[in-house]
C-alpha atoms as a PDB file:
ATOM      1  CA  UNK A   1       0.000   0.000   0.000  1.00  0.00           C
ATOM      2  CA  UNK A   2       2.883   2.331   0.798  1.00  0.00           C
ATOM      3  CA  UNK A   3       4.449   1.721  -2.645  1.00  0.00           C
ATOM      4  CA  UNK A   4       1.138   2.344  -4.356  1.00  0.00           C
ATOM      5  CA  UNK A   5       0.768   5.575  -2.433  1.00  0.00           C
ATOM      6  CA  UNK A   6       4.213   6.728  -3.513  1.00  0.00           C
ATOM      7  CA  UNK A   7       3.513   6.064  -7.185  1.00  0.00           C
ATOM      8  CA  UNK A   8      -0.020   7.443  -7.362  1.00  0.00           C
ATOM      9  CA  UNK A   9      -0.438  10.390  -5.049  1.00  0.00           C
ATOM     10  CA  UNK A  10      -3.416  12.608  -5.554  1.00  0.00           C
ATOM     11  CA  UNK A  11      -2.093  16.025  -4.657  1.00  0.00           C
ATOM     12  CA  UNK A  12      -4.189  19.022  -3.764  1.00  0.00           C
ATOM     13  CA  UNK A  13      -3.230  22.208  -5.574  1.00  0.00           C
ATOM     14  CA  UNK A  14      -2.471  25.466  -3.841  1.00  0.00           C
ATOM     15  CA  UNK A  15      -3.748  28.399  -5.861  1.00  0.00           C
ATOM     16  CA  UNK A  16      -1.481  31.305  -5.100  1.00  0.00           C
ATOM     17  CA  UNK A  17      -2.969  34.700  -5.869  1.00  0.00           C
ATOM     18  CA  UNK A  18      -6.297  33.217  -6.984  1.00  0.00           C
ATOM     19  CA  UNK A  19      -7.507  31.768 -10.293  1.00  0.00           C
ATOM     20  CA  UNK A  20      -7.873  35.190 -11.835  1.00  0.00           C
ATOM     21  CA  UNK A  21      -4.409  36.514 -11.065  1.00  0.00           C
ATOM     22  CA  UNK A  22      -2.935  38.149 -14.173  1.00  0.00           C
ATOM     23  CA  UNK A  23       0.779  37.793 -14.972  1.00  0.00           C
ATOM     24  CA  UNK A  24       2.764  40.859 -15.929  1.00  0.00           C
ATOM     25  CA  UNK A  25       3.185  39.465 -19.446  1.00  0.00           C
ATOM     26  CA  UNK A  26       1.831  36.331 -21.092  1.00  0.00           C
ATOM     27  CA  UNK A  27       4.034  35.130 -23.937  1.00  0.00           C
ATOM     28  CA  UNK A  28       1.726  32.190 -24.617  1.00  0.00           C
ATOM     29  CA  UNK A  29      -1.975  32.907 -24.905  1.00  0.00           C
ATOM     30  CA  UNK A  30      -5.059  31.171 -26.313  1.00  0.00           C
ATOM     31  CA  UNK A  31      -6.376  32.287 -29.684  1.00  0.00           C
ATOM     32  CA  UNK A  32     -10.016  32.553 -30.754  1.00  0.00           C
ATOM     33  CA  UNK A  33     -10.080  28.819 -31.471  1.00  0.00           C
ATOM     34  CA  UNK A  34      -8.743  27.866 -28.045  1.00  0.00           C
ATOM     35  CA  UNK A  35      -5.342  26.911 -29.419  1.00  0.00           C
ATOM     36  CA  UNK A  36      -2.044  28.050 -27.917  1.00  0.00           C
ATOM     37  CA  UNK A  37      -0.495  31.084 -29.560  1.00  0.00           C
ATOM     38  CA  UNK A  38       3.162  31.986 -28.944  1.00  0.00           C
ATOM     39  CA  UNK A  39       3.861  35.709 -29.191  1.00  0.00           C
ATOM     40  CA  UNK A  40       7.570  35.260 -29.860  1.00  0.00           C
ATOM     41  CA  UNK A  41       8.845  35.977 -26.349  1.00  0.00           C
ATOM     42  CA  UNK A  42      11.011  33.238 -24.834  1.00  0.00           C
ATOM     43  CA  UNK A  43       9.629  34.032 -21.375  1.00  0.00           C
ATOM     44  CA  UNK A  44       6.672  31.666 -21.765  1.00  0.00           C
ATOM     45  CA  UNK A  45       4.528  32.866 -18.893  1.00  0.00           C
ATOM     46  CA  UNK A  46       0.951  31.619 -19.243  1.00  0.00           C
ATOM     47  CA  UNK A  47      -2.338  32.368 -17.519  1.00  0.00           C
ATOM     48  CA  UNK A  48      -4.924  29.697 -18.264  1.00  0.00           C
ATOM     49  CA  UNK A  49      -6.236  26.537 -16.698  1.00  0.00           C
ATOM     50  CA  UNK A  50      -5.472  23.058 -18.009  1.00  0.00           C
ATOM     51  CA  UNK A  51      -7.967  20.239 -17.553  1.00  0.00           C
ATOM     52  CA  UNK A  52      -6.482  16.797 -18.147  1.00  0.00           C
ATOM     53  CA  UNK A  53      -8.563  13.647 -18.433  1.00  0.00           C
ATOM     54  CA  UNK A  54      -6.026  10.958 -17.546  1.00  0.00           C
ATOM     55  CA  UNK A  55      -3.695  10.214 -14.619  1.00  0.00           C
ATOM     56  CA  UNK A  56      -0.779  12.608 -15.118  1.00  0.00           C
ATOM     57  CA  UNK A  57       2.811  12.235 -13.925  1.00  0.00           C
ATOM     58  CA  UNK A  58       4.525  15.063 -12.043  1.00  0.00           C
ATOM     59  CA  UNK A  59       7.977  16.230 -13.188  1.00  0.00           C
ATOM     60  CA  UNK A  60      10.578  18.203 -11.254  1.00  0.00           C
ATOM     61  CA  UNK A  61      11.784  19.826 -14.497  1.00  0.00           C
ATOM     62  CA  UNK A  62      10.391  20.144 -18.051  1.00  0.00           C
ATOM     63  CA  UNK A  63      12.177  17.087 -19.400  1.00  0.00           C
ATOM     64  CA  UNK A  64      11.861  13.318 -19.194  1.00  0.00           C
ATOM     65  CA  UNK A  65      14.759  13.075 -16.738  1.00  0.00           C
ATOM     66  CA  UNK A  66      12.668  15.130 -14.297  1.00  0.00           C
ATOM     67  CA  UNK A  67       9.990  12.432 -14.049  1.00  0.00           C
ATOM     68  CA  UNK A  68       8.988  11.637 -10.434  1.00  0.00           C
ATOM     69  CA  UNK A  69       7.079   8.810  -8.766  1.00  0.00           C
ATOM     70  CA  UNK A  70       4.118  11.110  -8.068  1.00  0.00           C
ATOM     71  CA  UNK A  71       1.073  11.747 -10.204  1.00  0.00           C
ATOM     72  CA  UNK A  72      -2.200  13.670 -10.264  1.00  0.00           C
ATOM     73  CA  UNK A  73      -5.675  12.315 -10.830  1.00  0.00           C
ATOM     74  CA  UNK A  74      -7.697  13.942 -13.653  1.00  0.00           C
ATOM     75  CA  UNK A  75      -8.544  17.520 -12.633  1.00  0.00           C
ATOM     76  CA  UNK A  76      -8.226  21.200 -13.534  1.00  0.00           C
ATOM     77  CA  UNK A  77      -5.020  23.049 -12.632  1.00  0.00           C
ATOM     78  CA  UNK A  78      -3.693  26.560 -13.094  1.00  0.00           C
ATOM     79  CA  UNK A  79      -0.692  26.748 -15.421  1.00  0.00           C
ATOM     80  CA  UNK A  80       1.834  29.521 -14.749  1.00  0.00           C
ATOM     81  CA  UNK A  81       4.619  28.696 -17.213  1.00  0.00           C
ATOM     82  CA  UNK A  82       5.085  26.585 -20.312  1.00  0.00           C
ATOM     83  CA  UNK A  83       8.130  24.883 -21.822  1.00  0.00           C
ATOM     84  CA  UNK A  84       7.374  22.835 -24.937  1.00  0.00           C
ATOM     85  CA  UNK A  85       4.385  20.725 -23.917  1.00  0.00           C
ATOM     86  CA  UNK A  86       5.261  20.885 -20.217  1.00  0.00           C
ATOM     87  CA  UNK A  87       3.170  23.101 -17.933  1.00  0.00           C
ATOM     88  CA  UNK A  88       4.414  24.422 -14.597  1.00  0.00           C
ATOM     89  CA  UNK A  89       1.873  24.312 -11.755  1.00  0.00           C
ATOM     90  CA  UNK A  90       1.965  24.921  -7.990  1.00  0.00           C
ATOM     91  CA  UNK A  91       1.230  22.098  -5.545  1.00  0.00           C
ATOM     92  CA  UNK A  92       0.752  22.226  -1.783  1.00  0.00           C
ATOM     93  CA  UNK A  93       3.125  19.313  -1.058  1.00  0.00           C
ATOM     94  CA  UNK A  94       5.951  19.634  -3.536  1.00  0.00           C
ATOM     95  CA  UNK A  95       5.849  23.306  -4.494  1.00  0.00           C
ATOM     96  CA  UNK A  96       6.295  24.128  -8.170  1.00  0.00           C
ATOM     97  CA  UNK A  97       6.134  21.037 -10.395  1.00  0.00           C
ATOM     98  CA  UNK A  98       5.621  20.250 -14.068  1.00  0.00           C
ATOM     99  CA  UNK A  99       3.065  18.156 -15.950  1.00  0.00           C
ATOM    100  CA  UNK A 100       2.936  16.946 -19.537  1.00  0.00           C
ATOM    101  CA  UNK A 101      -0.679  15.799 -19.896  1.00  0.00           C
ATOM    102  CA  UNK A 102      -1.709  13.428 -22.652  1.00  0.00           C
ATOM    103  CA  UNK A 103      -4.330  14.494 -25.143  1.00  0.00           C
ATOM    104  CA  UNK A 104      -7.186  15.308 -24.822  1.00  0.00           C
ATOM    105  CA  UNK A 105      -6.579  18.495 -22.860  1.00  0.00           C
ATOM    106  CA  UNK A 106      -9.149  21.248 -22.246  1.00  0.00           C
ATOM    107  CA  UNK A 107      -8.115  24.866 -21.679  1.00  0.00           C
ATOM    108  CA  UNK A 108     -10.040  27.311 -19.467  1.00  0.00           C
ATOM    109  CA  UNK A 109     -12.858  24.973 -18.506  1.00  0.00           C
ATOM    110  CA  UNK A 110     -15.710  26.984 -16.987  1.00  0.00           C
ATOM    111  CA  UNK A 111     -18.753  25.290 -15.485  1.00  0.00           C
ATOM    112  CA  UNK A 112     -21.861  27.207 -16.516  1.00  0.00           C
ATOM    113  CA  UNK A 113     -25.408  26.454 -17.613  1.00  0.00           C
ATOM    114  CA  UNK A 114     -26.996  28.106 -20.635  1.00  0.00           C
ATOM    115  CA  UNK A 115     -29.203  27.344 -23.603  1.00  0.00           C
ATOM    116  CA  UNK A 116     -27.555  27.202 -27.015  1.00  0.00           C
ATOM    117  CA  UNK A 117     -29.438  27.356 -30.312  1.00  0.00           C
ATOM    118  CA  UNK A 118     -28.007  25.184 -33.081  1.00  0.00           C
ATOM    119  CA  UNK A 119     -29.444  26.703 -36.274  1.00  0.00           C
ATOM    120  CA  UNK A 120     -27.972  24.031 -38.539  1.00  0.00           C
ATOM    121  CA  UNK A 121     -26.509  20.523 -38.459  1.00  0.00           C
ATOM    122  CA  UNK A 122     -23.653  20.436 -35.939  1.00  0.00           C
ATOM    123  CA  UNK A 123     -20.968  17.847 -35.173  1.00  0.00           C
ATOM    124  CA  UNK A 124     -20.623  16.338 -31.691  1.00  0.00           C
ATOM    125  CA  UNK A 125     -17.125  15.582 -30.354  1.00  0.00           C
ATOM    126  CA  UNK A 126     -15.924  13.511 -27.400  1.00  0.00           C
ATOM    127  CA  UNK A 127     -13.522  16.376 -26.535  1.00  0.00           C
ATOM    128  CA  UNK A 128     -12.682  19.701 -28.234  1.00  0.00           C
ATOM    129  CA  UNK A 129     -10.850  19.041 -31.519  1.00  0.00           C
ATOM    130  CA  UNK A 130     -10.973  15.295 -30.895  1.00  0.00           C
ATOM    131  CA  UNK A 131     -13.106  12.458 -32.302  1.00  0.00           C
ATOM    132  CA  UNK A 132     -16.425  13.161 -33.998  1.00  0.00           C
ATOM    133  CA  UNK A 133     -19.161  11.036 -32.439  1.00  0.00           C
ATOM    134  CA  UNK A 134     -22.039  12.075 -34.673  1.00  0.00           C
ATOM    135  CA  UNK A 135     -24.218  15.019 -35.662  1.00  0.00           C
ATOM    136  CA  UNK A 136     -27.140  16.919 -34.197  1.00  0.00           C
ATOM    137  CA  UNK A 137     -30.065  18.309 -36.169  1.00  0.00           C
ATOM    138  CA  UNK A 138     -31.005  21.971 -35.619  1.00  0.00           C
ATOM    139  CA  UNK A 139     -32.319  22.337 -32.087  1.00  0.00           C
ATOM    140  CA  UNK A 140     -31.800  24.046 -28.721  1.00  0.00           C
ATOM    141  CA  UNK A 141     -29.428  22.302 -26.305  1.00  0.00           C
ATOM    142  CA  UNK A 142     -28.430  22.923 -22.699  1.00  0.00           C
ATOM    143  CA  UNK A 143     -24.720  23.579 -22.213  1.00  0.00           C
ATOM    144  CA  UNK A 144     -23.166  22.616 -18.871  1.00  0.00           C
ATOM    145  CA  UNK A 145     -19.692  24.091 -19.405  1.00  0.00           C
ATOM    146  CA  UNK A 146     -17.595  26.117 -21.820  1.00  0.00           C
ATOM    147  CA  UNK A 147     -13.932  26.006 -22.787  1.00  0.00           C
ATOM    148  CA  UNK A 148     -11.418  28.173 -24.628  1.00  0.00           C
ATOM    149  CA  UNK A 149     -12.215  28.803 -28.259  1.00  0.00           C
ATOM    150  CA  UNK A 150     -16.003  28.754 -27.972  1.00  0.00           C
ATOM    151  CA  UNK A 151     -16.412  25.039 -27.199  1.00  0.00           C
ATOM    152  CA  UNK A 152     -19.476  23.948 -25.236  1.00  0.00           C
ATOM    153  CA  UNK A 153     -20.081  20.795 -23.197  1.00  0.00           C
ATOM    154  CA  UNK A 154     -23.557  19.347 -23.664  1.00  0.00           C
ATOM    155  CA  UNK A 155     -25.412  16.159 -22.826  1.00  0.00           C
ATOM    156  CA  UNK A 156     -26.491  14.360 -25.983  1.00  0.00           C
ATOM    157  CA  UNK A 157     -27.514  10.882 -27.023  1.00  0.00           C
ATOM    158  CA  UNK A 158     -23.785  10.244 -27.488  1.00  0.00           C
ATOM    159  CA  UNK A 159     -22.984  10.844 -23.812  1.00  0.00           C
ATOM    160  CA  UNK A 160     -23.350  13.127 -20.809  1.00  0.00           C
ATOM    161  CA  UNK A 161     -20.136  15.033 -21.468  1.00  0.00           C
ATOM    162  CA  UNK A 162     -19.822  15.608 -25.195  1.00  0.00           C
ATOM    163  CA  UNK A 163     -18.621  18.769 -26.912  1.00  0.00           C
ATOM    164  CA  UNK A 164     -19.671  20.898 -29.834  1.00  0.00           C
ATOM    165  CA  UNK A 165     -18.743  24.194 -31.451  1.00  0.00           C
ATOM    166  CA  UNK A 166     -21.675  26.118 -32.982  1.00  0.00           C
ATOM    167  CA  UNK A 167     -19.421  27.620 -35.674  1.00  0.00           C
ATOM    168  CA  UNK A 168     -18.188  24.208 -36.807  1.00  0.00           C
ATOM    169  CA  UNK A 169     -21.416  23.222 -38.507  1.00  0.00           C
ATOM    170  CA  UNK A 170     -23.285  23.143 -41.781  1.00  0.00           C
ATOM    171  CA  UNK A 171     -23.508  26.634 -43.328  1.00  0.00           C
ATOM    172  CA  UNK A 172     -26.674  28.622 -42.890  1.00  0.00           C
ATOM    173  CA  UNK A 173     -26.542  30.107 -46.391  1.00  0.00           C
ATOM    174  CA  UNK A 174     -25.391  28.408 -49.571  1.00  0.00           C
ATOM    175  CA  UNK A 175     -25.851  29.135 -53.265  1.00  0.00           C
ATOM    176  CA  UNK A 176     -25.966  26.685 -56.187  1.00  0.00           C
ATOM    177  CA  UNK A 177     -22.626  26.209 -57.921  1.00  0.00           C
ATOM    178  CA  UNK A 178     -22.569  23.635 -60.693  1.00  0.00           C
ATOM    179  CA  UNK A 179     -19.809  25.047 -62.915  1.00  0.00           C
ATOM    180  CA  UNK A 180     -17.001  22.609 -63.679  1.00  0.00           C
ATOM    181  CA  UNK A 181     -13.836  23.937 -62.029  1.00  0.00           C
ATOM    182  CA  UNK A 182     -10.333  23.211 -63.288  1.00  0.00           C
ATOM    183  CA  UNK A 183      -7.930  23.541 -60.371  1.00  0.00           C
ATOM    184  CA  UNK A 184      -4.197  23.450 -59.737  1.00  0.00           C
ATOM    185  CA  UNK A 185      -2.335  20.274 -58.959  1.00  0.00           C
ATOM    186  CA  UNK A 186      -1.901  20.801 -55.242  1.00  0.00           C
ATOM    187  CA  UNK A 187      -3.710  18.668 -52.683  1.00  0.00           C
ATOM    188  CA  UNK A 188      -7.047  19.858 -51.351  1.00  0.00           C
ATOM    189  CA  UNK A 189      -8.066  19.141 -47.763  1.00  0.00           C
ATOM    190  CA  UNK A 190     -11.602  17.772 -47.544  1.00  0.00           C
ATOM    191  CA  UNK A 191     -13.594  18.640 -44.397  1.00  0.00           C
ATOM    192  CA  UNK A 192     -16.891  17.569 -42.850  1.00  0.00           C
ATOM    193  CA  UNK A 193     -18.045  21.196 -42.719  1.00  0.00           C
ATOM    194  CA  UNK A 194     -16.856  24.460 -44.333  1.00  0.00           C
ATOM    195  CA  UNK A 195     -14.502  25.209 -41.461  1.00  0.00           C
ATOM    196  CA  UNK A 196     -10.840  24.203 -41.279  1.00  0.00           C
ATOM    197  CA  UNK A 197     -11.317  23.353 -37.580  1.00  0.00           C
ATOM    198  CA  UNK A 198     -13.946  20.731 -38.376  1.00  0.00           C
ATOM    199  CA  UNK A 199     -13.148  17.080 -38.981  1.00  0.00           C
ATOM    200  CA  UNK A 200     -10.570  16.491 -41.750  1.00  0.00           C
ATOM    201  CA  UNK A 201     -11.982  13.702 -43.913  1.00  0.00           C
ATOM    202  CA  UNK A 202      -9.091  13.227 -46.348  1.00  0.00           C
ATOM    203  CA  UNK A 203      -7.229  14.792 -49.269  1.00  0.00           C
ATOM    204  CA  UNK A 204      -8.277  15.313 -52.870  1.00  0.00           C
ATOM    205  CA  UNK A 205      -6.052  15.705 -55.911  1.00  0.00           C
ATOM    206  CA  UNK A 206      -8.325  16.045 -58.913  1.00  0.00           C
ATOM    207  CA  UNK A 207      -7.828  18.270 -61.941  1.00  0.00           C
ATOM    208  CA  UNK A 208     -11.539  19.013 -62.288  1.00  0.00           C
ATOM    209  CA  UNK A 209     -14.219  19.460 -59.633  1.00  0.00           C
ATOM    210  CA  UNK A 210     -17.950  19.893 -60.106  1.00  0.00           C
ATOM    211  CA  UNK A 211     -19.462  21.279 -56.883  1.00  0.00           C
ATOM    212  CA  UNK A 212     -23.205  21.323 -56.322  1.00  0.00           C
ATOM    213  CA  UNK A 213     -23.188  24.310 -53.953  1.00  0.00           C
ATOM    214  CA  UNK A 214     -20.892  26.804 -52.230  1.00  0.00           C
ATOM    215  CA  UNK A 215     -21.079  28.990 -49.169  1.00  0.00           C
ATOM    216  CA  UNK A 216     -22.728  32.360 -49.709  1.00  0.00           C
ATOM    217  CA  UNK A 217     -19.683  33.914 -48.028  1.00  0.00           C
ATOM    218  CA  UNK A 218     -16.156  32.583 -48.383  1.00  0.00           C
ATOM    219  CA  UNK A 219     -14.650  30.126 -50.835  1.00  0.00           C
ATOM    220  CA  UNK A 220     -15.998  26.784 -49.636  1.00  0.00           C
ATOM    221  CA  UNK A 221     -17.390  24.302 -52.168  1.00  0.00           C
ATOM    222  CA  UNK A 222     -19.534  21.244 -51.473  1.00  0.00           C
ATOM    223  CA  UNK A 223     -18.522  18.311 -53.663  1.00  0.00           C
ATOM    224  CA  UNK A 224     -19.034  14.575 -54.024  1.00  0.00           C
ATOM    225  CA  UNK A 225     -15.862  12.572 -53.379  1.00  0.00           C
ATOM    226  CA  UNK A 226     -14.716   9.033 -52.680  1.00  0.00           C
ATOM    227  CA  UNK A 227     -15.540   9.752 -49.005  1.00  0.00           C
ATOM    228  CA  UNK A 228     -19.015  11.035 -49.803  1.00  0.00           C
ATOM    229  CA  UNK A 229     -20.051  14.674 -49.562  1.00  0.00           C
ATOM    230  CA  UNK A 230     -17.209  16.908 -48.324  1.00  0.00           C
ATOM    231  CA  UNK A 231     -16.281  20.587 -48.259  1.00  0.00           C
ATOM    232  CA  UNK A 232     -13.119  22.020 -49.832  1.00  0.00           C
ATOM    233  CA  UNK A 233     -11.763  25.552 -49.682  1.00  0.00           C
ATOM    234  CA  UNK A 234     -10.793  26.974 -53.060  1.00  0.00           C
ATOM    235  CA  UNK A 235      -9.554  30.526 -53.379  1.00  0.00           C
ATOM    236  CA  UNK A 236      -9.774  32.141 -56.832  1.00  0.00           C
ATOM    237  CA  UNK A 237      -5.998  31.871 -57.183  1.00  0.00           C
ATOM    238  CA  UNK A 238      -6.379  28.078 -57.416  1.00  0.00           C
ATOM    239  CA  UNK A 239      -9.077  28.008 -60.109  1.00  0.00           C
ATOM    240  CA  UNK A 240      -8.342  28.257 -63.844  1.00  0.00           C
ATOM    241  CA  UNK A 241      -9.678  31.260 -65.752  1.00  0.00           C
ATOM    242  CA  UNK A 242      -9.902  31.800 -69.515  1.00  0.00           C
ATOM    243  CA  UNK A 243      -6.758  33.338 -70.989  1.00  0.00           C
ATOM    244  CA  UNK A 244      -7.080  33.241 -74.765  1.00  0.00           C
ATOM    245  CA  UNK A 245      -3.904  34.834 -76.101  1.00  0.00           C
ATOM    246  CA  UNK A 246      -0.708  34.062 -77.968  1.00  0.00           C
ATOM    247  CA  UNK A 247       2.410  33.754 -75.829  1.00  0.00           C
ATOM    248  CA  UNK A 248       5.976  33.937 -77.114  1.00  0.00           C
ATOM    249  CA  UNK A 249       8.395  31.512 -75.457  1.00  0.00           C
ATOM    250  CA  UNK A 250      11.917  33.006 -75.654  1.00  0.00           C
ATOM    251  CA  UNK A 251      13.447  29.980 -73.909  1.00  0.00           C
ATOM    252  CA  UNK A 252      12.678  26.368 -73.061  1.00  0.00           C
ATOM    253  CA  UNK A 253       9.692  25.571 -70.843  1.00  0.00           C
ATOM    254  CA  UNK A 254       9.090  22.393 -68.848  1.00  0.00           C
ATOM    255  CA  UNK A 255       5.694  20.911 -69.621  1.00  0.00           C
ATOM    256  CA  UNK A 256       3.439  19.410 -66.948  1.00  0.00           C
ATOM    257  CA  UNK A 257       0.146  17.599 -66.965  1.00  0.00           C
ATOM    258  CA  UNK A 258      -1.250  19.965 -64.339  1.00  0.00           C
ATOM    259  CA  UNK A 259      -0.566  23.435 -62.992  1.00  0.00           C
ATOM    260  CA  UNK A 260       1.752  23.376 -60.028  1.00  0.00           C
ATOM    261  CA  UNK A 261       4.343  21.085 -61.597  1.00  0.00           C
ATOM    262  CA  UNK A 262       2.471  17.775 -61.421  1.00  0.00           C
ATOM    263  CA  UNK A 263       3.737  15.006 -63.764  1.00  0.00           C
ATOM    264  CA  UNK A 264       6.539  16.316 -65.990  1.00  0.00           C
ATOM    265  CA  UNK A 265       5.843  15.657 -69.694  1.00  0.00           C
ATOM    266  CA  UNK A 266       8.860  17.059 -71.494  1.00  0.00           C
ATOM    267  CA  UNK A 267      10.387  20.320 -72.704  1.00  0.00           C
ATOM    268  CA  UNK A 268       8.821  22.880 -75.014  1.00  0.00           C
ATOM    269  CA  UNK A 269      11.321  24.869 -77.082  1.00  0.00           C
ATOM    270  CA  UNK A 270      11.227  28.583 -78.033  1.00  0.00           C
ATOM    271  CA  UNK A 271       8.137  29.318 -80.139  1.00  0.00           C
ATOM    272  CA  UNK A 272       4.786  31.063 -80.099  1.00  0.00           C
ATOM    273  CA  UNK A 273       1.955  29.128 -78.463  1.00  0.00           C
ATOM    274  CA  UNK A 274      -1.728  29.639 -77.866  1.00  0.00           C
ATOM    275  CA  UNK A 275      -2.753  29.880 -74.197  1.00  0.00           C
ATOM    276  CA  UNK A 276      -6.272  28.878 -73.199  1.00  0.00           C
ATOM    277  CA  UNK A 277      -6.274  28.904 -69.382  1.00  0.00           C
ATOM    278  CA  UNK A 278      -4.349  30.503 -66.509  1.00  0.00           C
ATOM    279  CA  UNK A 279      -3.891  29.656 -62.827  1.00  0.00           C
ATOM    280  CA  UNK A 280      -1.602  32.203 -61.212  1.00  0.00           C
ATOM    281  CA  UNK A 281       1.782  32.003 -62.958  1.00  0.00           C
ATOM    282  CA  UNK A 282       0.765  28.864 -64.865  1.00  0.00           C
ATOM    283  CA  UNK A 283      -0.706  28.894 -68.371  1.00  0.00           C
ATOM    284  CA  UNK A 284      -2.299  26.066 -70.332  1.00  0.00           C
ATOM    285  CA  UNK A 285      -1.037  25.786 -73.919  1.00  0.00           C
ATOM    286  CA  UNK A 286      -1.704  23.519 -76.887  1.00  0.00           C
ATOM    287  CA  UNK A 287       1.231  21.350 -78.070  1.00  0.00           C
ATOM    288  CA  UNK A 288       1.875  18.189 -80.076  1.00  0.00           C
ATOM    289  CA  UNK A 289       1.258  16.338 -76.811  1.00  0.00           C
ATOM    290  CA  UNK A 290      -2.086  18.009 -76.382  1.00  0.00           C
ATOM    291  CA  UNK A 291      -2.810  20.627 -73.748  1.00  0.00           C
ATOM    292  CA  UNK A 292      -0.094  21.014 -71.097  1.00  0.00           C
ATOM    293  CA  UNK A 293       0.763  23.491 -68.361  1.00  0.00           C
ATOM    294  CA  UNK A 294       3.888  25.663 -68.320  1.00  0.00           C
ATOM    295  CA  UNK A 295       5.090  28.596 -66.231  1.00  0.00           C
ATOM    296  CA  UNK A 296       4.391  31.880 -67.998  1.00  0.00           C
ATOM    297  CA  UNK A 297       7.813  33.044 -69.291  1.00  0.00           C
ATOM    298  CA  UNK A 298       6.937  36.631 -68.327  1.00  0.00           C
ATOM    299  CA  UNK A 299       6.935  35.528 -64.695  1.00  0.00           C
ATOM    300  CA  UNK A 300      10.527  34.336 -64.971  1.00  0.00           C
ATOM    301  CA  UNK A 301      11.546  37.467 -66.856  1.00  0.00           C
ATOM    302  CA  UNK A 302      10.048  39.688 -64.156  1.00  0.00           C
ATOM    303  CA  UNK A 303      11.798  37.639 -61.445  1.00  0.00           C
ATOM    304  CA  UNK A 304      15.180  38.114 -63.159  1.00  0.00           C
ATOM    305  CA  UNK A 305      14.646  41.839 -63.662  1.00  0.00           C
ATOM    306  CA  UNK A 306      13.679  42.400 -60.031  1.00  0.00           C
ATOM    307  CA  UNK A 307      10.981  44.536 -58.405  1.00  0.00           C
ATOM    308  CA  UNK A 308      11.812  47.575 -60.563  1.00  0.00           C
ATOM    309  CA  UNK A 309      10.788  45.744 -63.765  1.00  0.00           C
ATOM    310  CA  UNK A 310       8.163  47.646 -65.689  1.00  0.00           C
ATOM    311  CA  UNK A 311       8.710  50.899 -63.782  1.00  0.00           C
ATOM    312  CA  UNK A 312       9.950  54.150 -65.273  1.00  0.00           C
END
């Protein structure tokens, strides 16, 4: 029993100065999404609470060699300093110690009760930014707690302590969008909802996309994929536009199957070609191999001439 006590000791925490004490300067803060934001100062003073959900080892220093035989049961603690993923806390028995809690971790947990209206389909998570358990139809729910970044704890059919974020949901306003889009060759992240903090479903690398709707605001498109219906974010700089003009090639150009340098197809010598499409610095031209993508030679010329090119 004595050995067990030495290895798993549930320590009470001494809160010096109160939960709301403000440090002189906080180099690490929480952004609007509840994620840690480092302001560039090496003095990583912090002022937020950390709620860990698993038994957590205490360290005498922020490194593995500082590991002790003591640990804390799941609870909420006040962090006062941060080094990597180690958080310094104050205990009543051992003074200042360090923890490195395993995920999931909740920042600034605040127990409160309030009604929350979900105007559209909303994902339910087991913890903030963790596993998606399912989805809720539009309804009013009772929140029992909040956390940094706008997360709310609610009781649902998936459990008594599940989490949701009202902004990570189906969009309220969409418009039809059925135009075939030719896009660059870079990977596209596919999400459950039009929000890059929602669940990442997979990656898409297609040359053409045919969405069936888009958000009324922003550049999110709803498409059918191998994973079913997903949302992708496509800024105008990634979508081909018409560019019907003749282009003189004063030097060799590498040819690619897709804009962005995907699948090299050979070299195109100096000549005049007909461009049909453009994506940023890439132009689509007709060759003996069919239509290929090359970098607009004017881009390279401007790069060589420097920022003063074209000025008087």
